[in-house]
Protein backbone atom coordinates (compact mmCIF):
# COMPACT_ATOMS: atom_id res chain seq x y z
CA MET A 1 -8.38 -15.12 17.68
CA ARG A 2 -8.59 -11.59 14.89
CA ALA A 3 -10.62 -9.17 16.54
CA THR A 4 -12.93 -7.36 14.49
CA THR A 5 -13.73 -3.46 14.53
CA THR A 6 -17.67 -4.26 14.96
CA PRO A 7 -17.49 -4.37 19.64
CA SER A 8 -19.58 -7.95 19.26
CA ALA A 9 -15.94 -9.89 17.64
CA ALA A 10 -14.39 -12.28 20.19
CA CYS A 11 -11.28 -10.97 22.29
CA ALA A 12 -8.12 -10.72 21.06
CA THR A 13 -4.31 -9.88 22.74
CA CYS A 14 -3.41 -6.55 22.59
CA TYR A 15 -1.57 -6.03 19.78
CA THR A 16 0.85 -3.43 21.60
CA CYS A 17 1.36 -5.29 24.27
CA GLU A 18 0.76 -8.66 23.51
CA THR A 19 -0.63 -9.34 27.07
CA GLY A 20 -3.68 -7.69 27.43
CA ALA A 21 -7.55 -8.67 25.51
CA MET A 22 -9.05 -6.20 22.85
CA ARG A 23 -12.52 -6.54 25.25
CA PRO A 24 -15.75 -4.11 24.13
CA ALA A 25 -15.63 -0.87 26.24
CA ASN A 26 -17.57 2.31 26.48
CA MET A 27 -15.43 5.10 26.05
CA ARG A 28 -17.78 7.34 28.35
CA GLY A 29 -16.09 8.92 30.76
CA ARG A 30 -12.59 8.38 29.22
CA SER A 31 -10.45 11.41 29.39
CA PHE A 32 -8.01 12.23 26.15
CA ASP A 33 -5.68 14.99 24.68
CA TYR A 34 -6.71 16.54 21.89
CA ARG A 35 -4.79 18.80 19.21
CA ASP A 36 -4.41 21.62 21.71
CA GLU A 37 -6.75 20.35 25.14
CA ARG A 38 -5.72 18.10 27.74
CA GLY A 39 -8.71 16.38 29.64
CA LEU A 40 -11.38 16.36 27.33
CA VAL A 41 -13.89 13.90 28.97
CA PHE A 42 -15.49 12.15 26.15
CA ASP A 43 -19.33 12.31 26.55
CA GLU A 44 -21.01 9.56 24.50
CA ASP A 45 -21.90 5.91 24.12
CA LEU A 46 -19.62 4.77 22.67
CA GLU A 47 -18.39 1.01 21.96
CA VAL A 48 -15.35 0.14 20.80
CA PHE A 49 -12.23 -2.32 21.39
CA THR A 50 -9.82 -1.41 24.00
CA CYS A 51 -6.55 -3.30 25.80
CA ASP A 52 -7.55 -4.29 29.68
CA SER A 53 -4.60 -4.54 30.79
CA PRO A 54 -4.46 -1.10 33.03
CA ALA A 55 -0.72 -0.13 31.50
CA CYS A 56 -1.67 -0.45 28.04
CA GLY A 57 -5.55 1.08 26.85
CA GLU A 58 -4.65 0.51 23.22
CA LEU A 59 -8.02 1.14 21.38
CA ARG A 60 -8.61 -0.10 18.37
CA LEU A 61 -10.81 2.55 15.77
CA GLY A 62 -11.31 2.41 12.03
CA GLY A 63 -14.12 3.61 9.92
CA GLU A 64 -17.23 5.13 11.72
CA ARG A 65 -15.83 4.61 15.19
CA THR A 66 -13.03 6.85 14.19
CA ALA A 67 -15.34 9.68 12.86
CA ARG A 68 -17.30 9.77 15.62
CA VAL A 69 -14.59 10.12 17.89
CA ASP A 70 -12.60 12.18 15.92
CA ALA A 71 -16.30 14.80 15.83
CA VAL A 72 -17.20 14.50 19.72
CA LEU A 73 -13.47 15.45 20.36
CA GLU A 74 -13.33 18.09 17.69
CA ARG A 75 -16.81 19.20 19.87
CA LEU A 76 -15.38 19.47 22.61
CA ARG A 77 -12.89 20.80 21.96
CA LEU A 78 -14.44 24.27 19.97
CA ALA A 79 -16.41 24.17 23.47
CA ARG A 80 -13.88 24.21 26.03
CA ILE A 81 -12.52 27.22 23.58
CA ARG A 82 -15.34 28.81 23.32
CA ARG A 83 -16.61 28.93 27.36
CA ARG A 84 -12.52 30.12 28.10
CA ALA A 85 -13.31 32.73 25.49
CA ALA A 86 -16.35 33.76 26.76
CA ASP A 87 -14.75 34.29 29.99
CA LEU A 88 -12.27 37.45 28.39
CA PRO A 89 -12.81 40.25 29.55
CA GLY A 90 -14.56 42.41 27.49
CA PRO A 91 -13.82 45.98 26.11
């Protein structure tokens, strides 16, 4: 059975580790390394297919989900950079 990019589709074997199952999971609270920032914590509700093997955790993204994940991570990255800049001593 082949999984699609919609969370309502049936589970499929993970194409990366070939042992876990791809299941819909909420991204909220998951930590990501994105561009030059480490440990950005996803703060929106978005379900994507995720491998349920703890050793893998592969995400299956596509189309609108990819764009949304990128937008959220970019927003979090810029907010962190602005906070750091605000903490710098002024002239």
